[in-house]
Protein backbone atom coordinates (compact mmCIF):
# COMPACT_ATOMS: atom_id res chain seq x y z
CA UNK A 1 16.60 2.51 5.75
CA UNK A 2 13.13 3.96 5.47
CA UNK A 3 11.45 3.14 2.00
CA UNK A 4 8.73 4.88 0.06
CA UNK A 5 6.15 3.10 -1.96
CA UNK A 6 3.92 4.20 -4.62
CA UNK A 7 1.52 1.94 -6.69
CA UNK A 8 -0.68 3.57 -9.11
CA UNK A 9 -3.93 1.42 -9.20
CA UNK A 10 -5.65 3.93 -11.57
CA UNK A 11 -6.89 1.18 -13.73
CA UNK A 12 -8.67 -0.56 -10.41
CA UNK A 13 -11.45 0.87 -8.93
CA UNK A 14 -12.37 2.55 -5.23
CA UNK A 15 -14.63 -0.16 -4.55
CA UNK A 16 -11.44 -2.87 -4.87
CA UNK A 17 -9.12 -0.42 -3.00
CA UNK A 18 -12.24 -0.18 0.04
CA UNK A 19 -12.71 -4.02 -0.26
CA UNK A 20 -8.80 -4.61 0.20
CA UNK A 21 -8.56 -2.30 3.34
CA UNK A 22 -11.79 -4.65 4.93
CA UNK A 23 -10.35 -7.73 4.02
CA UNK A 24 -6.16 -6.35 5.57
CA UNK A 25 -8.74 -5.60 8.69
CA UNK A 26 -10.56 -8.40 8.97
CA UNK A 27 -7.06 -10.78 9.04
CA UNK A 28 -5.56 -8.33 11.51
CA UNK A 29 -3.14 -6.41 9.22
CA UNK A 30 -4.99 -3.20 9.04
CA UNK A 31 -1.74 -1.27 10.57
CA UNK A 32 0.79 -3.78 9.65
CA UNK A 33 4.11 -3.53 11.57
CA UNK A 34 6.45 -1.57 9.99
CA UNK A 35 4.29 0.95 8.24
CA UNK A 36 4.84 4.17 9.21
CA UNK A 37 2.20 6.27 6.78
CA UNK A 38 -0.36 5.36 4.53
CA UNK A 39 -2.65 7.41 2.21
CA UNK A 40 -4.53 6.62 -0.95
CA UNK A 41 -6.13 8.74 -3.72
CA UNK A 42 -8.68 8.86 -6.22
CA UNK A 43 -6.70 8.77 -9.84
CA UNK A 44 -8.72 8.39 -12.23
CA UNK A 45 -11.74 5.18 -11.45
CA UNK A 46 -8.56 4.20 -9.55
CA UNK A 47 -6.27 5.17 -6.83
CA UNK A 48 -3.01 5.83 -6.25
CA UNK A 49 -1.62 4.55 -2.87
CA UNK A 50 1.56 6.09 -0.85
CA UNK A 51 2.90 3.92 1.98
CA UNK A 52 5.90 5.36 4.15
CA UNK A 53 7.88 2.11 5.75
CA UNK A 54 10.71 1.64 8.45
CA UNK A 55 12.64 -1.17 6.32
CA UNK A 56 12.61 -2.85 2.95
CA UNK A 57 11.76 -5.96 5.27
CA UNK A 58 8.61 -4.80 6.34
CA UNK A 59 7.44 -3.64 3.44
CA UNK A 60 8.05 -7.23 1.86
CA UNK A 61 6.60 -9.12 4.62
CA UNK A 62 3.24 -7.36 4.45
CA UNK A 63 3.36 -7.62 0.63
CA UNK A 64 3.23 -11.33 1.43
CA UNK A 65 0.12 -10.30 2.70
CA UNK A 66 -1.69 -8.32 0.40
CA UNK A 67 -0.72 -9.44 -2.68
CA UNK A 68 -3.12 -12.64 -2.57
CA UNK A 69 -5.90 -9.96 -1.20
CA UNK A 70 -5.34 -7.93 -4.40
CA UNK A 71 -5.21 -11.08 -6.83
CA UNK A 72 -8.62 -12.70 -5.17
CA UNK A 73 -10.22 -9.16 -5.92
CA UNK A 74 -8.76 -8.98 -9.44
CA UNK A 75 -6.91 -5.65 -9.15
CA UNK A 76 -4.71 -5.69 -12.00
CA UNK A 77 -1.09 -6.11 -11.25
CA UNK A 78 0.95 -2.60 -11.77
CA UNK A 79 4.04 -2.64 -10.81
CA UNK A 80 4.85 -0.51 -7.79
CA UNK A 81 7.69 2.16 -7.39
CA UNK A 82 9.62 1.33 -4.70
CA UNK A 83 12.26 4.35 -3.12
CA UNK A 84 15.05 4.88 -0.63
CA UNK A 85 13.49 7.94 1.64
CA UNK A 86 16.64 10.64 2.01
CA UNK A 87 14.60 12.61 4.42
CA UNK A 88 11.41 13.04 6.62
CA UNK A 89 10.36 16.16 8.44
CA UNK A 90 7.22 15.22 10.38
CA UNK A 91 4.54 17.43 11.62
CA UNK A 92 4.96 18.92 15.24
């Protein structure tokens, strides 16, 4: 079952987001297996991330890689909203 992951990091900084992306790419996780879609938008001084994952397991595997990076960056420990997907409509 697909999973929608929404992470509100409006108390963090875009610089931390950009550095996190660089670090993920450096360890070969810029395009993690099982992530179908990723977007980030400015929110306040920080950002909001929305990911679509093919499964809970894929999301959790990536979380084990991502969380230490966020901790190293001193990112706030915001609790993500994780929801089962009811429907997906893809563009042609």
